[in-house]
Amino acid sequence: MARIDDMKTKSDDQLNEQLGQLKREQFNLRFQAATNQLEKASRVKEVRRDIARIKTLQSERARSAEAK
């Protein structure tokens, strides 16, 4: 699970790449859940929260850049 401190040190491009990876993983986890092949159900929650963390960080950066 990625922590917010680790994410803050990443560039915008790195965050976008990580967001894309997490969204692909989220899709795969949903597919596994639908076909009853999901091994670790808690991973769905972790991925969803990591996506939210990245989006929050991106919006904070956008607001601070807009204020300058």
PDB file of N, CA and C in Angstrom:
ATOM      1  N   MET A   1       0.845  -1.178   0.000  1.00  0.00           N
ATOM      2  CA  MET A   1       0.000   0.000   0.000  1.00  0.00           C
ATOM      3  C   MET A   1       0.890   1.239   0.000  1.00  0.00           C
ATOM      4  N   ALA A   2       0.619   2.118  -0.901  1.00  0.00           N
ATOM      5  CA  ALA A   2       1.411   3.336  -1.025  1.00  0.00           C
ATOM      6  C   ALA A   2       1.000   4.348   0.040  1.00  0.00           C
ATOM      7  N   ARG A   3       1.958   5.011   0.590  1.00  0.00           N
ATOM      8  CA  ARG A   3       1.695   6.040   1.598  1.00  0.00           C
ATOM      9  C   ARG A   3       1.745   7.408   0.944  1.00  0.00           C
ATOM     10  N   ILE A   4       1.056   8.353   1.544  1.00  0.00           N
ATOM     11  CA  ILE A   4       0.959   9.700   0.986  1.00  0.00           C
ATOM     12  C   ILE A   4       2.322  10.385   0.940  1.00  0.00           C
ATOM     13  N   ASP A   5       3.188  10.114   1.920  1.00  0.00           N
ATOM     14  CA  ASP A   5       4.523  10.720   1.920  1.00  0.00           C
ATOM     15  C   ASP A   5       5.335  10.263   0.721  1.00  0.00           C
ATOM     16  N   ASP A   6       5.206   8.977   0.366  1.00  0.00           N
ATOM     17  CA  ASP A   6       5.900   8.461  -0.813  1.00  0.00           C
ATOM     18  C   ASP A   6       5.362   9.107  -2.081  1.00  0.00           C
ATOM     19  N   MET A   7       4.066   9.320  -2.113  1.00  0.00           N
ATOM     20  CA  MET A   7       3.436   9.894  -3.298  1.00  0.00           C
ATOM     21  C   MET A   7       3.817  11.353  -3.487  1.00  0.00           C
ATOM     22  N   LYS A   8       3.988  12.080  -2.390  1.00  0.00           N
ATOM     23  CA  LYS A   8       4.314  13.502  -2.488  1.00  0.00           C
ATOM     24  C   LYS A   8       5.669  13.737  -3.130  1.00  0.00           C
ATOM     25  N   THR A   9       6.584  12.768  -3.029  1.00  0.00           N
ATOM     26  CA  THR A   9       7.915  12.923  -3.600  1.00  0.00           C
ATOM     27  C   THR A   9       7.939  12.620  -5.098  1.00  0.00           C
ATOM     28  N   LYS A  10       6.863  12.029  -5.617  1.00  0.00           N
ATOM     29  CA  LYS A  10       6.814  11.661  -7.032  1.00  0.00           C
ATOM     30  C   LYS A  10       6.392  12.843  -7.892  1.00  0.00           C
ATOM     31  N   SER A  11       6.837  12.799  -9.140  1.00  0.00           N
ATOM     32  CA  SER A  11       6.456  13.842 -10.090  1.00  0.00           C
ATOM     33  C   SER A  11       5.043  13.577 -10.596  1.00  0.00           C
ATOM     34  N   ASP A  12       4.489  14.554 -11.295  1.00  0.00           N
ATOM     35  CA  ASP A  12       3.141  14.407 -11.840  1.00  0.00           C
ATOM     36  C   ASP A  12       3.056  13.246 -12.828  1.00  0.00           C
ATOM     37  N   ASP A  13       4.091  13.084 -13.654  1.00  0.00           N
ATOM     38  CA  ASP A  13       4.105  11.985 -14.619  1.00  0.00           C
ATOM     39  C   ASP A  13       4.128  10.629 -13.915  1.00  0.00           C
ATOM     40  N   GLN A  14       4.921  10.530 -12.851  1.00  0.00           N
ATOM     41  CA  GLN A  14       4.988   9.278 -12.099  1.00  0.00           C
ATOM     42  C   GLN A  14       3.647   8.974 -11.444  1.00  0.00           C
ATOM     43  N   LEU A  15       2.985  10.003 -10.928  1.00  0.00           N
ATOM     44  CA  LEU A  15       1.669   9.799 -10.312  1.00  0.00           C
ATOM     45  C   LEU A  15       0.645   9.355 -11.351  1.00  0.00           C
ATOM     46  N   ASN A  16       0.677   9.957 -12.541  1.00  0.00           N
ATOM     47  CA  ASN A  16      -0.248   9.558 -13.600  1.00  0.00           C
ATOM     48  C   ASN A  16      -0.016   8.108 -14.011  1.00  0.00           C
ATOM     49  N   GLU A  17       1.245   7.711 -14.084  1.00  0.00           N
ATOM     50  CA  GLU A  17       1.574   6.329 -14.441  1.00  0.00           C
ATOM     51  C   GLU A  17       1.072   5.363 -13.363  1.00  0.00           C
ATOM     52  N   GLN A  18       1.305   5.715 -12.100  1.00  0.00           N
ATOM     53  CA  GLN A  18       0.856   4.868 -10.999  1.00  0.00           C
ATOM     54  C   GLN A  18      -0.670   4.794 -10.961  1.00  0.00           C
ATOM     55  N   LEU A  19      -1.324   5.908 -11.251  1.00  0.00           N
ATOM     56  CA  LEU A  19      -2.794   5.930 -11.287  1.00  0.00           C
ATOM     57  C   LEU A  19      -3.312   4.979 -12.370  1.00  0.00           C
ATOM     58  N   GLY A  20      -2.678   4.998 -13.517  1.00  0.00           N
ATOM     59  CA  GLY A  20      -3.071   4.086 -14.595  1.00  0.00           C
ATOM     60  C   GLY A  20      -2.900   2.629 -14.206  1.00  0.00           C
ATOM     61  N   GLN A  21      -1.792   2.313 -13.543  1.00  0.00           N
ATOM     62  CA  GLN A  21      -1.554   0.943 -13.089  1.00  0.00           C
ATOM     63  C   GLN A  21      -2.604   0.515 -12.073  1.00  0.00           C
ATOM     64  N   LEU A  22      -2.920   1.419 -11.144  1.00  0.00           N
ATOM     65  CA  LEU A  22      -3.910   1.091 -10.115  1.00  0.00           C
ATOM     66  C   LEU A  22      -5.300   0.895 -10.717  1.00  0.00           C
ATOM     67  N   LYS A  23      -5.641   1.697 -11.715  1.00  0.00           N
ATOM     68  CA  LYS A  23      -6.951   1.550 -12.350  1.00  0.00           C
ATOM     69  C   LYS A  23      -7.042   0.224 -13.099  1.00  0.00           C
ATOM     70  N   ARG A  24      -5.938  -0.184 -13.747  1.00  0.00           N
ATOM     71  CA  ARG A  24      -5.925  -1.492 -14.407  1.00  0.00           C
ATOM     72  C   ARG A  24      -6.067  -2.608 -13.383  1.00  0.00           C
ATOM     73  N   GLU A  25      -5.358  -2.473 -12.267  1.00  0.00           N
ATOM     74  CA  GLU A  25      -5.456  -3.484 -11.212  1.00  0.00           C
ATOM     75  C   GLU A  25      -6.874  -3.528 -10.646  1.00  0.00           C
ATOM     76  N   GLN A  26      -7.483  -2.359 -10.468  1.00  0.00           N
ATOM     77  CA  GLN A  26      -8.845  -2.303  -9.955  1.00  0.00           C
ATOM     78  C   GLN A  26      -9.805  -3.015 -10.912  1.00  0.00           C
ATOM     79  N   PHE A  27      -9.629  -2.813 -12.196  1.00  0.00           N
ATOM     80  CA  PHE A  27     -10.465  -3.493 -13.187  1.00  0.00           C
ATOM     81  C   PHE A  27     -10.301  -5.006 -13.077  1.00  0.00           C
ATOM     82  N   ASN A  28      -9.051  -5.447 -12.990  1.00  0.00           N
ATOM     83  CA  ASN A  28      -8.790  -6.886 -12.889  1.00  0.00           C
ATOM     84  C   ASN A  28      -9.372  -7.473 -11.606  1.00  0.00           C
ATOM     85  N   LEU A  29      -9.259  -6.738 -10.510  1.00  0.00           N
ATOM     86  CA  LEU A  29      -9.818  -7.218  -9.244  1.00  0.00           C
ATOM     87  C   LEU A  29     -11.343  -7.319  -9.321  1.00  0.00           C
ATOM     88  N   ARG A  30     -11.965  -6.335  -9.958  1.00  0.00           N
ATOM     89  CA  ARG A  30     -13.425  -6.390 -10.123  1.00  0.00           C
ATOM     90  C   ARG A  30     -13.838  -7.595 -10.967  1.00  0.00           C
ATOM     91  N   PHE A  31     -13.057  -7.841 -12.008  1.00  0.00           N
ATOM     92  CA  PHE A  31     -13.344  -8.978 -12.882  1.00  0.00           C
ATOM     93  C   PHE A  31     -13.198 -10.279 -12.104  1.00  0.00           C
ATOM     94  N   GLN A  32     -12.150 -10.392 -11.304  1.00  0.00           N
ATOM     95  CA  GLN A  32     -11.938 -11.591 -10.487  1.00  0.00           C
ATOM     96  C   GLN A  32     -13.068 -11.763  -9.471  1.00  0.00           C
ATOM     97  N   ALA A  33     -13.525 -10.674  -8.888  1.00  0.00           N
ATOM     98  CA  ALA A  33     -14.609 -10.744  -7.917  1.00  0.00           C
ATOM     99  C   ALA A  33     -15.900 -11.223  -8.592  1.00  0.00           C
ATOM    100  N   ALA A  34     -16.131 -10.762  -9.806  1.00  0.00           N
ATOM    101  CA  ALA A  34     -17.348 -11.139 -10.522  1.00  0.00           C
ATOM    102  C   ALA A  34     -17.340 -12.612 -10.910  1.00  0.00           C
ATOM    103  N   THR A  35     -16.148 -13.169 -11.125  1.00  0.00           N
ATOM    104  CA  THR A  35     -16.042 -14.578 -11.522  1.00  0.00           C
ATOM    105  C   THR A  35     -15.671 -15.478 -10.345  1.00  0.00           C
ATOM    106  N   ASN A  36     -15.756 -14.947  -9.135  1.00  0.00           N
ATOM    107  CA  ASN A  36     -15.449 -15.688  -7.901  1.00  0.00           C
ATOM    108  C   ASN A  36     -14.033 -16.263  -7.882  1.00  0.00           C
ATOM    109  N   GLN A  37     -13.076 -15.512  -8.425  1.00  0.00           N
ATOM    110  CA  GLN A  37     -11.682 -15.940  -8.423  1.00  0.00           C
ATOM    111  C   GLN A  37     -10.815 -15.027  -7.563  1.00  0.00           C
ATOM    112  N   LEU A  38     -11.428 -14.134  -6.827  1.00  0.00           N
ATOM    113  CA  LEU A  38     -10.696 -13.158  -6.022  1.00  0.00           C
ATOM    114  C   LEU A  38     -10.108 -13.840  -4.791  1.00  0.00           C
ATOM    115  N   GLU A  39      -8.772 -13.728  -4.641  1.00  0.00           N
ATOM    116  CA  GLU A  39      -8.095 -14.371  -3.520  1.00  0.00           C
ATOM    117  C   GLU A  39      -8.016 -13.468  -2.300  1.00  0.00           C
ATOM    118  N   LYS A  40      -7.731 -12.190  -2.525  1.00  0.00           N
ATOM    119  CA  LYS A  40      -7.535 -11.267  -1.416  1.00  0.00           C
ATOM    120  C   LYS A  40      -8.515 -10.097  -1.565  1.00  0.00           C
ATOM    121  N   ALA A  41      -9.649 -10.220  -0.932  1.00  0.00           N
ATOM    122  CA  ALA A  41     -10.709  -9.219  -1.075  1.00  0.00           C
ATOM    123  C   ALA A  41     -10.295  -7.859  -0.528  1.00  0.00           C
ATOM    124  N   SER A  42      -9.405  -7.818   0.448  1.00  0.00           N
ATOM    125  CA  SER A  42      -8.994  -6.540   1.038  1.00  0.00           C
ATOM    126  C   SER A  42      -8.198  -5.689   0.055  1.00  0.00           C
ATOM    127  N   ARG A  43      -7.635  -6.305  -0.956  1.00  0.00           N
ATOM    128  CA  ARG A  43      -6.849  -5.563  -1.946  1.00  0.00           C
ATOM    129  C   ARG A  43      -7.730  -4.578  -2.722  1.00  0.00           C
ATOM    130  N   VAL A  44      -8.998  -4.902  -2.908  1.00  0.00           N
ATOM    131  CA  VAL A  44      -9.926  -4.013  -3.615  1.00  0.00           C
ATOM    132  C   VAL A  44     -10.005  -2.680  -2.872  1.00  0.00           C
ATOM    133  N   LYS A  45     -10.142  -2.750  -1.564  1.00  0.00           N
ATOM    134  CA  LYS A  45     -10.241  -1.552  -0.732  1.00  0.00           C
ATOM    135  C   LYS A  45      -8.939  -0.751  -0.764  1.00  0.00           C
ATOM    136  N   GLU A  46      -7.804  -1.447  -0.690  1.00  0.00           N
ATOM    137  CA  GLU A  46      -6.495  -0.774  -0.719  1.00  0.00           C
ATOM    138  C   GLU A  46      -6.299  -0.016  -2.023  1.00  0.00           C
ATOM    139  N   VAL A  47      -6.614  -0.659  -3.131  1.00  0.00           N
ATOM    140  CA  VAL A  47      -6.433  -0.034  -4.448  1.00  0.00           C
ATOM    141  C   VAL A  47      -7.337   1.181  -4.579  1.00  0.00           C
ATOM    142  N   ARG A  48      -8.585   1.051  -4.135  1.00  0.00           N
ATOM    143  CA  ARG A  48      -9.527   2.170  -4.220  1.00  0.00           C
ATOM    144  C   ARG A  48      -9.019   3.369  -3.428  1.00  0.00           C
ATOM    145  N   ARG A  49      -8.483   3.104  -2.241  1.00  0.00           N
ATOM    146  CA  ARG A  49      -7.970   4.193  -1.411  1.00  0.00           C
ATOM    147  C   ARG A  49      -6.698   4.808  -1.989  1.00  0.00           C
ATOM    148  N   ASP A  50      -5.834   3.987  -2.583  1.00  0.00           N
ATOM    149  CA  ASP A  50      -4.628   4.534  -3.218  1.00  0.00           C
ATOM    150  C   ASP A  50      -4.994   5.441  -4.387  1.00  0.00           C
ATOM    151  N   ILE A  51      -5.998   5.039  -5.158  1.00  0.00           N
ATOM    152  CA  ILE A  51      -6.469   5.876  -6.270  1.00  0.00           C
ATOM    153  C   ILE A  51      -6.970   7.209  -5.725  1.00  0.00           C
ATOM    154  N   ALA A  52      -7.725   7.162  -4.650  1.00  0.00           N
ATOM    155  CA  ALA A  52      -8.245   8.391  -4.043  1.00  0.00           C
ATOM    156  C   ALA A  52      -7.117   9.275  -3.534  1.00  0.00           C
ATOM    157  N   ARG A  53      -6.082   8.666  -2.957  1.00  0.00           N
ATOM    158  CA  ARG A  53      -4.934   9.442  -2.469  1.00  0.00           C
ATOM    159  C   ARG A  53      -4.246  10.184  -3.608  1.00  0.00           C
ATOM    160  N   ILE A  54      -4.047   9.486  -4.725  1.00  0.00           N
ATOM    161  CA  ILE A  54      -3.377  10.100  -5.866  1.00  0.00           C
ATOM    162  C   ILE A  54      -4.229  11.240  -6.424  1.00  0.00           C
ATOM    163  N   LYS A  55      -5.522  11.007  -6.565  1.00  0.00           N
ATOM    164  CA  LYS A  55      -6.396  12.050  -7.102  1.00  0.00           C
ATOM    165  C   LYS A  55      -6.442  13.263  -6.178  1.00  0.00           C
ATOM    166  N   THR A  56      -6.442  13.031  -4.872  1.00  0.00           N
ATOM    167  CA  THR A  56      -6.432  14.132  -3.910  1.00  0.00           C
ATOM    168  C   THR A  56      -5.148  14.935  -4.035  1.00  0.00           C
ATOM    169  N   LEU A  57      -4.034  14.243  -4.126  1.00  0.00           N
ATOM    170  CA  LEU A  57      -2.743  14.905  -4.263  1.00  0.00           C
ATOM    171  C   LEU A  57      -2.681  15.714  -5.561  1.00  0.00           C
ATOM    172  N   GLN A  58      -3.196  15.151  -6.642  1.00  0.00           N
ATOM    173  CA  GLN A  58      -3.206  15.864  -7.917  1.00  0.00           C
ATOM    174  C   GLN A  58      -4.063  17.119  -7.841  1.00  0.00           C
ATOM    175  N   SER A  59      -5.208  17.033  -7.193  1.00  0.00           N
ATOM    176  CA  SER A  59      -6.066  18.220  -7.096  1.00  0.00           C
ATOM    177  C   SER A  59      -5.443  19.271  -6.182  1.00  0.00           C
ATOM    178  N   GLU A  60      -4.750  18.847  -5.124  1.00  0.00           N
ATOM    179  CA  GLU A  60      -4.046  19.808  -4.260  1.00  0.00           C
ATOM    180  C   GLU A  60      -2.957  20.527  -5.036  1.00  0.00           C
ATOM    181  N   ARG A  61      -2.216  19.773  -5.845  1.00  0.00           N
ATOM    182  CA  ARG A  61      -1.157  20.393  -6.656  1.00  0.00           C
ATOM    183  C   ARG A  61      -1.750  21.360  -7.679  1.00  0.00           C
ATOM    184  N   ALA A  62      -2.861  20.990  -8.254  1.00  0.00           N
ATOM    185  CA  ALA A  62      -3.495  21.862  -9.257  1.00  0.00           C
ATOM    186  C   ALA A  62      -3.984  23.163  -8.593  1.00  0.00           C
ATOM    187  N   ARG A  63      -4.557  23.047  -7.404  1.00  0.00           N
ATOM    188  CA  ARG A  63      -5.037  24.231  -6.706  1.00  0.00           C
ATOM    189  C   ARG A  63      -3.876  25.142  -6.293  1.00  0.00           C
ATOM    190  N   SER A  64      -2.777  24.563  -5.844  1.00  0.00           N
ATOM    191  CA  SER A  64      -1.637  25.393  -5.442  1.00  0.00           C
ATOM    192  C   SER A  64      -0.987  26.054  -6.650  1.00  0.00           C
ATOM    193  N   ALA A  65      -0.961  25.351  -7.791  1.00  0.00           N
ATOM    194  CA  ALA A  65      -0.409  25.942  -9.008  1.00  0.00           C
ATOM    195  C   ALA A  65      -1.330  27.046  -9.522  1.00  0.00           C
ATOM    196  N   GLU A  66      -2.613  26.872  -9.346  1.00  0.00           N
ATOM    197  CA  GLU A  66      -3.586  27.865  -9.796  1.00  0.00           C
ATOM    198  C   GLU A  66      -3.510  29.123  -8.945  1.00  0.00           C
ATOM    199  N   ALA A  67      -3.206  28.965  -7.678  1.00  0.00           N
ATOM    200  CA  ALA A  67      -3.123  30.104  -6.761  1.00  0.00           C
ATOM    201  C   ALA A  67      -1.877  30.953  -7.021  1.00  0.00           C
ATOM    202  N   LYS A  68      -0.863  30.350  -7.598  1.00  0.00           N
ATOM    203  CA  LYS A  68       0.392  31.090  -7.843  1.00  0.00           C
ATOM    204  C   LYS A  68       0.348  31.933  -9.079  1.00  0.00           C
TER     205      LYS A  68
END
